[in-house]
PDB file of N, CA and C in Angstrom:
ATOM      1  N   UNK A   1     -34.827   7.493  17.255  1.00  0.00           N
ATOM      2  CA  UNK A   1     -33.923   6.526  17.844  1.00  0.00           C
ATOM      3  C   UNK A   1     -33.165   5.825  16.728  1.00  0.00           C
ATOM      4  N   UNK A   2     -31.865   5.783  16.847  1.00  0.00           N
ATOM      5  CA  UNK A   2     -31.018   5.161  15.838  1.00  0.00           C
ATOM      6  C   UNK A   2     -30.734   3.710  16.202  1.00  0.00           C
ATOM      7  N   UNK A   3     -30.758   2.878  15.199  1.00  0.00           N
ATOM      8  CA  UNK A   3     -30.404   1.476  15.413  1.00  0.00           C
ATOM      9  C   UNK A   3     -29.085   1.189  14.737  1.00  0.00           C
ATOM     10  N   UNK A   4     -28.539   0.021  15.031  1.00  0.00           N
ATOM     11  CA  UNK A   4     -27.263  -0.378  14.443  1.00  0.00           C
ATOM     12  C   UNK A   4     -27.334  -0.357  12.917  1.00  0.00           C
ATOM     13  N   UNK A   5     -28.469  -0.755  12.352  1.00  0.00           N
ATOM     14  CA  UNK A   5     -28.618  -0.822  10.895  1.00  0.00           C
ATOM     15  C   UNK A   5     -28.640   0.552  10.238  1.00  0.00           C
ATOM     16  N   UNK A   6     -28.901   1.610  11.009  1.00  0.00           N
ATOM     17  CA  UNK A   6     -28.956   2.962  10.454  1.00  0.00           C
ATOM     18  C   UNK A   6     -27.579   3.593  10.292  1.00  0.00           C
ATOM     19  N   UNK A   7     -26.590   3.054  10.995  1.00  0.00           N
ATOM     20  CA  UNK A   7     -25.245   3.632  10.944  1.00  0.00           C
ATOM     21  C   UNK A   7     -24.518   3.196   9.675  1.00  0.00           C
ATOM     22  N   UNK A   8     -23.772   4.126   9.066  1.00  0.00           N
ATOM     23  CA  UNK A   8     -23.008   3.739   7.872  1.00  0.00           C
ATOM     24  C   UNK A   8     -21.868   2.790   8.241  1.00  0.00           C
ATOM     25  N   UNK A   9     -21.568   1.890   7.351  1.00  0.00           N
ATOM     26  CA  UNK A   9     -20.488   0.938   7.575  1.00  0.00           C
ATOM     27  C   UNK A   9     -19.145   1.635   7.410  1.00  0.00           C
ATOM     28  N   UNK A  10     -18.193   1.321   8.280  1.00  0.00           N
ATOM     29  CA  UNK A  10     -16.881   1.972   8.210  1.00  0.00           C
ATOM     30  C   UNK A  10     -15.741   0.999   7.979  1.00  0.00           C
ATOM     31  N   UNK A  11     -16.039  -0.278   7.788  1.00  0.00           N
ATOM     32  CA  UNK A  11     -14.961  -1.237   7.620  1.00  0.00           C
ATOM     33  C   UNK A  11     -14.480  -1.248   6.174  1.00  0.00           C
ATOM     34  N   UNK A  12     -13.243  -1.708   5.984  1.00  0.00           N
ATOM     35  CA  UNK A  12     -12.667  -1.834   4.642  1.00  0.00           C
ATOM     36  C   UNK A  12     -11.959  -3.179   4.541  1.00  0.00           C
ATOM     37  N   UNK A  13     -11.627  -3.568   3.335  1.00  0.00           N
ATOM     38  CA  UNK A  13     -10.949  -4.841   3.117  1.00  0.00           C
ATOM     39  C   UNK A  13      -9.459  -4.770   3.436  1.00  0.00           C
ATOM     40  N   UNK A  14      -8.852  -3.619   3.266  1.00  0.00           N
ATOM     41  CA  UNK A  14      -7.410  -3.493   3.488  1.00  0.00           C
ATOM     42  C   UNK A  14      -7.118  -2.768   4.790  1.00  0.00           C
ATOM     43  N   UNK A  15      -6.122  -3.250   5.506  1.00  0.00           N
ATOM     44  CA  UNK A  15      -5.684  -2.580   6.727  1.00  0.00           C
ATOM     45  C   UNK A  15      -4.856  -1.351   6.367  1.00  0.00           C
ATOM     46  N   UNK A  16      -4.587  -0.528   7.345  1.00  0.00           N
ATOM     47  CA  UNK A  16      -3.716   0.623   7.112  1.00  0.00           C
ATOM     48  C   UNK A  16      -2.318   0.161   6.732  1.00  0.00           C
ATOM     49  N   UNK A  17      -1.863  -0.956   7.287  1.00  0.00           N
ATOM     50  CA  UNK A  17      -0.539  -1.466   6.932  1.00  0.00           C
ATOM     51  C   UNK A  17      -0.485  -1.801   5.435  1.00  0.00           C
ATOM     52  N   UNK A  18      -1.512  -2.444   4.927  1.00  0.00           N
ATOM     53  CA  UNK A  18      -1.550  -2.780   3.494  1.00  0.00           C
ATOM     54  C   UNK A  18      -1.598  -1.511   2.655  1.00  0.00           C
ATOM     55  N   UNK A  19      -2.375  -0.552   3.075  1.00  0.00           N
ATOM     56  CA  UNK A  19      -2.490   0.697   2.316  1.00  0.00           C
ATOM     57  C   UNK A  19      -1.162   1.468   2.303  1.00  0.00           C
ATOM     58  N   UNK A  20      -0.454   1.486   3.422  1.00  0.00           N
ATOM     59  CA  UNK A  20       0.856   2.143   3.465  1.00  0.00           C
ATOM     60  C   UNK A  20       1.817   1.436   2.520  1.00  0.00           C
ATOM     61  N   UNK A  21       1.818   0.123   2.541  1.00  0.00           N
ATOM     62  CA  UNK A  21       2.690  -0.646   1.662  1.00  0.00           C
ATOM     63  C   UNK A  21       2.392  -0.339   0.188  1.00  0.00           C
ATOM     64  N   UNK A  22       1.137  -0.250  -0.165  1.00  0.00           N
ATOM     65  CA  UNK A  22       0.753   0.067  -1.545  1.00  0.00           C
ATOM     66  C   UNK A  22       1.196   1.482  -1.912  1.00  0.00           C
ATOM     67  N   UNK A  23       1.037   2.431  -1.003  1.00  0.00           N
ATOM     68  CA  UNK A  23       1.479   3.805  -1.279  1.00  0.00           C
ATOM     69  C   UNK A  23       2.989   3.855  -1.526  1.00  0.00           C
ATOM     70  N   UNK A  24       3.747   3.097  -0.745  1.00  0.00           N
ATOM     71  CA  UNK A  24       5.199   3.053  -0.936  1.00  0.00           C
ATOM     72  C   UNK A  24       5.538   2.381  -2.263  1.00  0.00           C
ATOM     73  N   UNK A  25       4.794   1.345  -2.629  1.00  0.00           N
ATOM     74  CA  UNK A  25       5.032   0.682  -3.914  1.00  0.00           C
ATOM     75  C   UNK A  25       4.767   1.640  -5.072  1.00  0.00           C
ATOM     76  N   UNK A  26       3.773   2.487  -4.929  1.00  0.00           N
ATOM     77  CA  UNK A  26       3.442   3.455  -5.979  1.00  0.00           C
ATOM     78  C   UNK A  26       4.510   4.532  -6.114  1.00  0.00           C
ATOM     79  N   UNK A  27       5.137   4.901  -4.991  1.00  0.00           N
ATOM     80  CA  UNK A  27       6.172   5.936  -4.999  1.00  0.00           C
ATOM     81  C   UNK A  27       7.176   5.640  -3.893  1.00  0.00           C
ATOM     82  N   UNK A  28       8.303   4.989  -4.237  1.00  0.00           N
ATOM     83  CA  UNK A  28       9.292   4.611  -3.224  1.00  0.00           C
ATOM     84  C   UNK A  28       9.923   5.786  -2.471  1.00  0.00           C
ATOM     85  N   UNK A  29       9.717   7.010  -2.932  1.00  0.00           N
ATOM     86  CA  UNK A  29      10.268   8.173  -2.241  1.00  0.00           C
ATOM     87  C   UNK A  29       9.176   9.025  -1.609  1.00  0.00           C
ATOM     88  N   UNK A  30       8.008   8.435  -1.416  1.00  0.00           N
ATOM     89  CA  UNK A  30       6.873   9.151  -0.841  1.00  0.00           C
ATOM     90  C   UNK A  30       7.184   9.615   0.576  1.00  0.00           C
ATOM     91  N   UNK A  31       6.695  10.778   0.932  1.00  0.00           N
ATOM     92  CA  UNK A  31       6.878  11.313   2.277  1.00  0.00           C
ATOM     93  C   UNK A  31       5.794  10.769   3.195  1.00  0.00           C
ATOM     94  N   UNK A  32       6.116  10.614   4.464  1.00  0.00           N
ATOM     95  CA  UNK A  32       5.146  10.111   5.435  1.00  0.00           C
ATOM     96  C   UNK A  32       3.899  10.987   5.496  1.00  0.00           C
ATOM     97  N   UNK A  33       4.074  12.286   5.386  1.00  0.00           N
ATOM     98  CA  UNK A  33       2.898  13.170   5.442  1.00  0.00           C
ATOM     99  C   UNK A  33       1.988  12.946   4.242  1.00  0.00           C
ATOM    100  N   UNK A  34       2.569  12.584   3.085  1.00  0.00           N
ATOM    101  CA  UNK A  34       1.755  12.311   1.905  1.00  0.00           C
ATOM    102  C   UNK A  34       1.034  10.969   2.032  1.00  0.00           C
ATOM    103  N   UNK A  35       1.707   9.987   2.625  1.00  0.00           N
ATOM    104  CA  UNK A  35       1.051   8.702   2.895  1.00  0.00           C
ATOM    105  C   UNK A  35      -0.138   8.933   3.814  1.00  0.00           C
ATOM    106  N   UNK A  36       0.101   9.666   4.886  1.00  0.00           N
ATOM    107  CA  UNK A  36      -0.948   9.921   5.876  1.00  0.00           C
ATOM    108  C   UNK A  36      -2.143  10.625   5.241  1.00  0.00           C
ATOM    109  N   UNK A  37      -1.887  11.643   4.447  1.00  0.00           N
ATOM    110  CA  UNK A  37      -2.972  12.386   3.807  1.00  0.00           C
ATOM    111  C   UNK A  37      -3.746  11.513   2.829  1.00  0.00           C
ATOM    112  N   UNK A  38      -3.033  10.686   2.090  1.00  0.00           N
ATOM    113  CA  UNK A  38      -3.670   9.820   1.100  1.00  0.00           C
ATOM    114  C   UNK A  38      -4.595   8.790   1.731  1.00  0.00           C
ATOM    115  N   UNK A  39      -4.168   8.258   2.863  1.00  0.00           N
ATOM    116  CA  UNK A  39      -4.908   7.178   3.515  1.00  0.00           C
ATOM    117  C   UNK A  39      -5.928   7.708   4.523  1.00  0.00           C
ATOM    118  N   UNK A  40      -5.681   8.900   5.046  1.00  0.00           N
ATOM    119  CA  UNK A  40      -6.582   9.455   6.052  1.00  0.00           C
ATOM    120  C   UNK A  40      -6.200   9.056   7.467  1.00  0.00           C
ATOM    121  N   UNK A  41      -4.880   8.997   7.716  1.00  0.00           N
ATOM    122  CA  UNK A  41      -4.362   8.690   9.047  1.00  0.00           C
ATOM    123  C   UNK A  41      -3.418   9.814   9.455  1.00  0.00           C
ATOM    124  N   UNK A  42      -2.983   9.802  10.697  1.00  0.00           N
ATOM    125  CA  UNK A  42      -2.036  10.826  11.128  1.00  0.00           C
ATOM    126  C   UNK A  42      -0.632  10.475  10.644  1.00  0.00           C
ATOM    127  N   UNK A  43       0.208  11.477  10.596  1.00  0.00           N
ATOM    128  CA  UNK A  43       1.593  11.254  10.206  1.00  0.00           C
ATOM    129  C   UNK A  43       2.298  10.331  11.204  1.00  0.00           C
ATOM    130  N   UNK A  44       1.970  10.460  12.476  1.00  0.00           N
ATOM    131  CA  UNK A  44       2.544   9.596  13.511  1.00  0.00           C
ATOM    132  C   UNK A  44       2.139   8.140  13.273  1.00  0.00           C
ATOM    133  N   UNK A  45       0.885   7.912  12.915  1.00  0.00           N
ATOM    134  CA  UNK A  45       0.424   6.549  12.622  1.00  0.00           C
ATOM    135  C   UNK A  45       1.162   5.995  11.408  1.00  0.00           C
ATOM    136  N   UNK A  46       1.322   6.809  10.377  1.00  0.00           N
ATOM    137  CA  UNK A  46       2.065   6.378   9.188  1.00  0.00           C
ATOM    138  C   UNK A  46       3.497   6.013   9.572  1.00  0.00           C
ATOM    139  N   UNK A  47       4.118   6.822  10.419  1.00  0.00           N
ATOM    140  CA  UNK A  47       5.477   6.560  10.874  1.00  0.00           C
ATOM    141  C   UNK A  47       5.553   5.229  11.625  1.00  0.00           C
ATOM    142  N   UNK A  48       4.594   4.969  12.499  1.00  0.00           N
ATOM    143  CA  UNK A  48       4.570   3.711  13.245  1.00  0.00           C
ATOM    144  C   UNK A  48       4.360   2.508  12.334  1.00  0.00           C
ATOM    145  N   UNK A  49       3.517   2.651  11.341  1.00  0.00           N
ATOM    146  CA  UNK A  49       3.275   1.553  10.402  1.00  0.00           C
ATOM    147  C   UNK A  49       4.525   1.270   9.580  1.00  0.00           C
ATOM    148  N   UNK A  50       5.190   2.316   9.103  1.00  0.00           N
ATOM    149  CA  UNK A  50       6.434   2.118   8.340  1.00  0.00           C
ATOM    150  C   UNK A  50       7.472   1.434   9.220  1.00  0.00           C
ATOM    151  N   UNK A  51       7.541   1.817  10.482  1.00  0.00           N
ATOM    152  CA  UNK A  51       8.464   1.146  11.405  1.00  0.00           C
ATOM    153  C   UNK A  51       8.110  -0.329  11.548  1.00  0.00           C
ATOM    154  N   UNK A  52       6.819  -0.638  11.710  1.00  0.00           N
ATOM    155  CA  UNK A  52       6.380  -2.030  11.800  1.00  0.00           C
ATOM    156  C   UNK A  52       6.802  -2.821  10.557  1.00  0.00           C
ATOM    157  N   UNK A  53       6.558  -2.246   9.391  1.00  0.00           N
ATOM    158  CA  UNK A  53       6.891  -2.931   8.137  1.00  0.00           C
ATOM    159  C   UNK A  53       8.396  -3.125   7.996  1.00  0.00           C
ATOM    160  N   UNK A  54       9.157  -2.125   8.420  1.00  0.00           N
ATOM    161  CA  UNK A  54      10.621  -2.212   8.388  1.00  0.00           C
ATOM    162  C   UNK A  54      11.123  -3.309   9.333  1.00  0.00           C
ATOM    163  N   UNK A  55      10.629  -3.285  10.564  1.00  0.00           N
ATOM    164  CA  UNK A  55      11.077  -4.261  11.560  1.00  0.00           C
ATOM    165  C   UNK A  55      10.686  -5.690  11.190  1.00  0.00           C
ATOM    166  N   UNK A  56       9.590  -5.863  10.471  1.00  0.00           N
ATOM    167  CA  UNK A  56       9.131  -7.193  10.058  1.00  0.00           C
ATOM    168  C   UNK A  56       9.785  -7.649   8.754  1.00  0.00           C
ATOM    169  N   UNK A  57      10.624  -6.800   8.156  1.00  0.00           N
ATOM    170  CA  UNK A  57      11.344  -7.189   6.952  1.00  0.00           C
ATOM    171  C   UNK A  57      10.592  -6.982   5.650  1.00  0.00           C
ATOM    172  N   UNK A  58       9.501  -6.231   5.688  1.00  0.00           N
ATOM    173  CA  UNK A  58       8.731  -5.978   4.468  1.00  0.00           C
ATOM    174  C   UNK A  58       9.318  -4.868   3.624  1.00  0.00           C
ATOM    175  N   UNK A  59      10.104  -3.989   4.240  1.00  0.00           N
ATOM    176  CA  UNK A  59      10.748  -2.937   3.464  1.00  0.00           C
ATOM    177  C   UNK A  59      12.054  -2.519   4.103  1.00  0.00           C
ATOM    178  N   UNK A  60      12.871  -1.867   3.297  1.00  0.00           N
ATOM    179  CA  UNK A  60      14.115  -1.272   3.785  1.00  0.00           C
ATOM    180  C   UNK A  60      14.069   0.217   3.465  1.00  0.00           C
ATOM    181  N   UNK A  61      14.845   0.983   4.219  1.00  0.00           N
ATOM    182  CA  UNK A  61      14.921   2.431   4.021  1.00  0.00           C
ATOM    183  C   UNK A  61      16.354   2.798   3.706  1.00  0.00           C
ATOM    184  N   UNK A  62      16.511   3.679   2.747  1.00  0.00           N
ATOM    185  CA  UNK A  62      17.808   4.247   2.432  1.00  0.00           C
ATOM    186  C   UNK A  62      17.655   5.755   2.463  1.00  0.00           C
ATOM    187  N   UNK A  63      18.503   6.399   3.223  1.00  0.00           N
ATOM    188  CA  UNK A  63      18.440   7.858   3.321  1.00  0.00           C
ATOM    189  C   UNK A  63      19.174   8.447   2.125  1.00  0.00           C
ATOM    190  N   UNK A  64      18.485   9.298   1.356  1.00  0.00           N
ATOM    191  CA  UNK A  64      19.081   9.989   0.224  1.00  0.00           C
ATOM    192  C   UNK A  64      18.838  11.478   0.438  1.00  0.00           C
ATOM    193  N   UNK A  65      19.886  12.171   0.865  1.00  0.00           N
ATOM    194  CA  UNK A  65      19.727  13.588   1.209  1.00  0.00           C
ATOM    195  C   UNK A  65      18.809  13.724   2.404  1.00  0.00           C
ATOM    196  N   UNK A  66      17.733  14.478   2.225  1.00  0.00           N
ATOM    197  CA  UNK A  66      16.772  14.691   3.303  1.00  0.00           C
ATOM    198  C   UNK A  66      15.570  13.765   3.204  1.00  0.00           C
ATOM    199  N   UNK A  67      15.577  12.866   2.232  1.00  0.00           N
ATOM    200  CA  UNK A  67      14.427  11.991   1.986  1.00  0.00           C
ATOM    201  C   UNK A  67      14.800  10.535   2.205  1.00  0.00           C
ATOM    202  N   UNK A  68      13.791   9.725   2.417  1.00  0.00           N
ATOM    203  CA  UNK A  68      13.968   8.271   2.480  1.00  0.00           C
ATOM    204  C   UNK A  68      13.554   7.663   1.146  1.00  0.00           C
ATOM    205  N   UNK A  69      14.261   6.635   0.750  1.00  0.00           N
ATOM    206  CA  UNK A  69      13.873   5.811  -0.402  1.00  0.00           C
ATOM    207  C   UNK A  69      13.577   4.433   0.164  1.00  0.00           C
ATOM    208  N   UNK A  70      12.402   3.917  -0.153  1.00  0.00           N
ATOM    209  CA  UNK A  70      11.969   2.635   0.376  1.00  0.00           C
ATOM    210  C   UNK A  70      12.072   1.573  -0.709  1.00  0.00           C
ATOM    211  N   UNK A  71      12.477   0.386  -0.299  1.00  0.00           N
ATOM    212  CA  UNK A  71      12.489  -0.778  -1.168  1.00  0.00           C
ATOM    213  C   UNK A  71      11.662  -1.854  -0.497  1.00  0.00           C
ATOM    214  N   UNK A  72      10.698  -2.396  -1.236  1.00  0.00           N
ATOM    215  CA  UNK A  72       9.809  -3.415  -0.684  1.00  0.00           C
ATOM    216  C   UNK A  72      10.367  -4.794  -0.980  1.00  0.00           C
ATOM    217  N   UNK A  73      10.362  -5.655   0.010  1.00  0.00           N
ATOM    218  CA  UNK A  73      10.753  -7.049  -0.155  1.00  0.00           C
ATOM    219  C   UNK A  73       9.524  -7.808  -0.662  1.00  0.00           C
ATOM    220  N   UNK A  74       9.394  -7.917  -1.965  1.00  0.00           N
ATOM    221  CA  UNK A  74       8.207  -8.510  -2.584  1.00  0.00           C
ATOM    222  C   UNK A  74       8.072 -10.001  -2.337  1.00  0.00           C
ATOM    223  N   UNK A  75       9.132 -10.631  -1.888  1.00  0.00           N
ATOM    224  CA  UNK A  75       9.071 -12.070  -1.612  1.00  0.00           C
ATOM    225  C   UNK A  75       8.619 -12.372  -0.184  1.00  0.00           C
ATOM    226  N   UNK A  76       8.550 -11.338   0.644  1.00  0.00           N
ATOM    227  CA  UNK A  76       8.057 -11.533   2.011  1.00  0.00           C
ATOM    228  C   UNK A  76       6.607 -12.015   1.942  1.00  0.00           C
ATOM    229  N   UNK A  77       6.228 -12.893   2.834  1.00  0.00           N
ATOM    230  CA  UNK A  77       4.896 -13.486   2.795  1.00  0.00           C
ATOM    231  C   UNK A  77       3.925 -12.773   3.724  1.00  0.00           C
ATOM    232  N   UNK A  78       2.654 -12.930   3.439  1.00  0.00           N
ATOM    233  CA  UNK A  78       1.610 -12.395   4.312  1.00  0.00           C
ATOM    234  C   UNK A  78       1.760 -13.000   5.705  1.00  0.00           C
ATOM    235  N   UNK A  79       1.260 -12.310   6.692  1.00  0.00           N
ATOM    236  CA  UNK A  79       1.425 -12.750   8.077  1.00  0.00           C
ATOM    237  C   UNK A  79       0.300 -13.646   8.562  1.00  0.00           C
ATOM    238  N   UNK A  80      -0.901 -13.488   8.063  1.00  0.00           N
ATOM    239  CA  UNK A  80      -2.042 -14.250   8.556  1.00  0.00           C
ATOM    240  C   UNK A  80      -1.921 -15.706   8.100  1.00  0.00           C
ATOM    241  N   UNK A  81      -2.176 -16.669   8.958  1.00  0.00           N
ATOM    242  CA  UNK A  81      -1.935 -18.079   8.633  1.00  0.00           C
ATOM    243  C   UNK A  81      -2.566 -18.580   7.336  1.00  0.00           C
ATOM    244  N   UNK A  82      -3.763 -18.128   6.998  1.00  0.00           N
ATOM    245  CA  UNK A  82      -4.401 -18.644   5.776  1.00  0.00           C
ATOM    246  C   UNK A  82      -3.748 -18.135   4.501  1.00  0.00           C
ATOM    247  N   UNK A  83      -3.004 -17.024   4.575  1.00  0.00           N
ATOM    248  CA  UNK A  83      -2.299 -16.492   3.401  1.00  0.00           C
ATOM    249  C   UNK A  83      -0.790 -16.563   3.559  1.00  0.00           C
ATOM    250  N   UNK A  84      -0.305 -17.197   4.608  1.00  0.00           N
ATOM    251  CA  UNK A  84       1.123 -17.172   4.933  1.00  0.00           C
ATOM    252  C   UNK A  84       2.014 -17.730   3.830  1.00  0.00           C
ATOM    253  N   UNK A  85       1.486 -18.554   2.943  1.00  0.00           N
ATOM    254  CA  UNK A  85       2.293 -19.111   1.864  1.00  0.00           C
ATOM    255  C   UNK A  85       2.372 -18.222   0.636  1.00  0.00           C
ATOM    256  N   UNK A  86       1.705 -17.082   0.664  1.00  0.00           N
ATOM    257  CA  UNK A  86       1.648 -16.208  -0.513  1.00  0.00           C
ATOM    258  C   UNK A  86       2.532 -14.975  -0.332  1.00  0.00           C
ATOM    259  N   UNK A  87       3.274 -14.601  -1.378  1.00  0.00           N
ATOM    260  CA  UNK A  87       4.116 -13.399  -1.281  1.00  0.00           C
ATOM    261  C   UNK A  87       3.279 -12.128  -1.389  1.00  0.00           C
ATOM    262  N   UNK A  88       3.742 -11.069  -0.746  1.00  0.00           N
ATOM    263  CA  UNK A  88       3.012  -9.801  -0.793  1.00  0.00           C
ATOM    264  C   UNK A  88       3.038  -9.184  -2.183  1.00  0.00           C
ATOM    265  N   UNK A  89       3.888  -9.697  -3.061  1.00  0.00           N
ATOM    266  CA  UNK A  89       3.919  -9.179  -4.433  1.00  0.00           C
ATOM    267  C   UNK A  89       2.548  -9.308  -5.090  1.00  0.00           C
ATOM    268  N   UNK A  90       1.749 -10.289  -4.691  1.00  0.00           N
ATOM    269  CA  UNK A  90       0.403 -10.445  -5.254  1.00  0.00           C
ATOM    270  C   UNK A  90      -0.462  -9.225  -4.945  1.00  0.00           C
ATOM    271  N   UNK A  91      -0.403  -8.753  -3.722  1.00  0.00           N
ATOM    272  CA  UNK A  91      -1.160  -7.568  -3.328  1.00  0.00           C
ATOM    273  C   UNK A  91      -0.630  -6.328  -4.040  1.00  0.00           C
ATOM    274  N   UNK A  92       0.675  -6.174  -4.029  1.00  0.00           N
ATOM    275  CA  UNK A  92       1.290  -4.996  -4.645  1.00  0.00           C
ATOM    276  C   UNK A  92       0.970  -4.965  -6.134  1.00  0.00           C
ATOM    277  N   UNK A  93       1.114  -6.095  -6.814  1.00  0.00           N
ATOM    278  CA  UNK A  93       0.819  -6.153  -8.252  1.00  0.00           C
ATOM    279  C   UNK A  93      -0.630  -5.786  -8.535  1.00  0.00           C
ATOM    280  N   UNK A  94      -1.542  -6.299  -7.727  1.00  0.00           N
ATOM    281  CA  UNK A  94      -2.960  -6.040  -7.944  1.00  0.00           C
ATOM    282  C   UNK A  94      -3.252  -4.535  -7.906  1.00  0.00           C
ATOM    283  N   UNK A  95      -2.671  -3.837  -6.948  1.00  0.00           N
ATOM    284  CA  UNK A  95      -2.997  -2.426  -6.807  1.00  0.00           C
ATOM    285  C   UNK A  95      -2.119  -1.512  -7.647  1.00  0.00           C
ATOM    286  N   UNK A  96      -0.901  -1.893  -7.939  1.00  0.00           N
ATOM    287  CA  UNK A  96      -0.085  -1.027  -8.793  1.00  0.00           C
ATOM    288  C   UNK A  96      -0.445  -1.233 -10.257  1.00  0.00           C
ATOM    289  N   UNK A  97      -0.894  -2.419 -10.653  1.00  0.00           N
ATOM    290  CA  UNK A  97      -1.367  -2.644 -12.021  1.00  0.00           C
ATOM    291  C   UNK A  97      -2.613  -1.801 -12.277  1.00  0.00           C
ATOM    292  N   UNK A  98      -3.431  -1.633 -11.258  1.00  0.00           N
ATOM    293  CA  UNK A  98      -4.636  -0.809 -11.366  1.00  0.00           C
ATOM    294  C   UNK A  98      -4.271   0.627 -11.725  1.00  0.00           C
ATOM    295  N   UNK A  99      -3.113   1.086 -11.275  1.00  0.00           N
ATOM    296  CA  UNK A  99      -2.683   2.461 -11.504  1.00  0.00           C
ATOM    297  C   UNK A  99      -2.063   2.671 -12.880  1.00  0.00           C
ATOM    298  N   UNK A 100      -1.632   1.588 -13.521  1.00  0.00           N
ATOM    299  CA  UNK A 100      -0.930   1.708 -14.797  1.00  0.00           C
ATOM    300  C   UNK A 100      -1.913   2.014 -15.921  1.00  0.00           C
ATOM    301  N   UNK A 101      -1.517   2.886 -16.854  1.00  0.00           N
ATOM    302  CA  UNK A 101      -2.399   3.160 -17.984  1.00  0.00           C
ATOM    303  C   UNK A 101      -2.514   1.922 -18.867  1.00  0.00           C
ATOM    304  N   UNK A 102      -3.682   1.706 -19.408  1.00  0.00           N
ATOM    305  CA  UNK A 102      -3.880   0.583 -20.314  1.00  0.00           C
ATOM    306  C   UNK A 102      -3.331   0.925 -21.681  1.00  0.00           C
ATOM    307  N   UNK A 103      -3.103  -0.085 -22.494  1.00  0.00           N
ATOM    308  CA  UNK A 103      -2.620   0.152 -23.862  1.00  0.00           C
ATOM    309  C   UNK A 103      -3.617   1.011 -24.625  1.00  0.00           C
ATOM    310  N   UNK A 104      -4.903   0.813 -24.413  1.00  0.00           N
ATOM    311  CA  UNK A 104      -5.918   1.590 -25.093  1.00  0.00           C
ATOM    312  C   UNK A 104      -5.856   3.057 -24.681  1.00  0.00           C
ATOM    313  N   UNK A 105      -5.639   3.290 -23.395  1.00  0.00           N
ATOM    314  CA  UNK A 105      -5.596   4.677 -22.907  1.00  0.00           C
ATOM    315  C   UNK A 105      -4.375   5.409 -23.436  1.00  0.00           C
ATOM    316  N   UNK A 106      -3.255   4.728 -23.618  1.00  0.00           N
ATOM    317  CA  UNK A 106      -2.044   5.415 -24.074  1.00  0.00           C
ATOM    318  C   UNK A 106      -1.964   5.517 -25.589  1.00  0.00           C
ATOM    319  N   UNK A 107      -2.541   4.553 -26.326  1.00  0.00           N
ATOM    320  CA  UNK A 107      -2.427   4.579 -27.778  1.00  0.00           C
ATOM    321  C   UNK A 107      -3.719   5.011 -28.456  1.00  0.00           C
ATOM    322  N   UNK A 108      -4.828   4.970 -27.725  1.00  0.00           N
ATOM    323  CA  UNK A 108      -6.100   5.279 -28.324  1.00  0.00           C
ATOM    324  C   UNK A 108      -6.730   4.106 -29.048  1.00  0.00           C
ATOM    325  N   UNK A 109      -6.030   2.961 -29.064  1.00  0.00           N
ATOM    326  CA  UNK A 109      -6.530   1.762 -29.733  1.00  0.00           C
ATOM    327  C   UNK A 109      -6.711   0.650 -28.712  1.00  0.00           C
ATOM    328  N   UNK A 110      -7.703  -0.230 -28.992  1.00  0.00           N
ATOM    329  CA  UNK A 110      -7.869  -1.359 -28.069  1.00  0.00           C
ATOM    330  C   UNK A 110      -6.658  -2.286 -28.121  1.00  0.00           C
ATOM    331  N   UNK A 111      -6.334  -2.965 -27.007  1.00  0.00           N
ATOM    332  CA  UNK A 111      -5.201  -3.885 -26.994  1.00  0.00           C
ATOM    333  C   UNK A 111      -5.417  -5.039 -27.958  1.00  0.00           C
ATOM    334  N   UNK A 112      -4.335  -5.512 -28.559  1.00  0.00           N
ATOM    335  CA  UNK A 112      -4.408  -6.627 -29.507  1.00  0.00           C
ATOM    336  C   UNK A 112      -4.742  -7.907 -28.751  1.00  0.00           C
ATOM    337  N   UNK A 113      -5.545  -8.776 -29.390  1.00  0.00           N
ATOM    338  CA  UNK A 113      -5.857 -10.048 -28.726  1.00  0.00           C
ATOM    339  C   UNK A 113      -5.187 -11.202 -29.404  1.00  0.00           C
TER     340      UNK A 113
END
């Protein structure tokens, strides 16, 4: 007999909307199918989330040939009341800085202090 405590936890700190926004920040020309694969959602869900973000003013789309180029409005604020005074640039910076190579990794030397 399985109890609630035996089941693995499936919750995460970031919503799919936040994860889509971070993926777009990492690559402004990312395809919806690549966003979906990266996050583990369907392409239709990714499309709906991008539409939500667009309609709420968090990003704009520019069609370039057969691809979209996204621009994020980094000054737009979080939606939840306790974070409503903070710009989303804080979230984007936190996760895109994580992706950047460190000075030590690129030069082989520790960063100067």
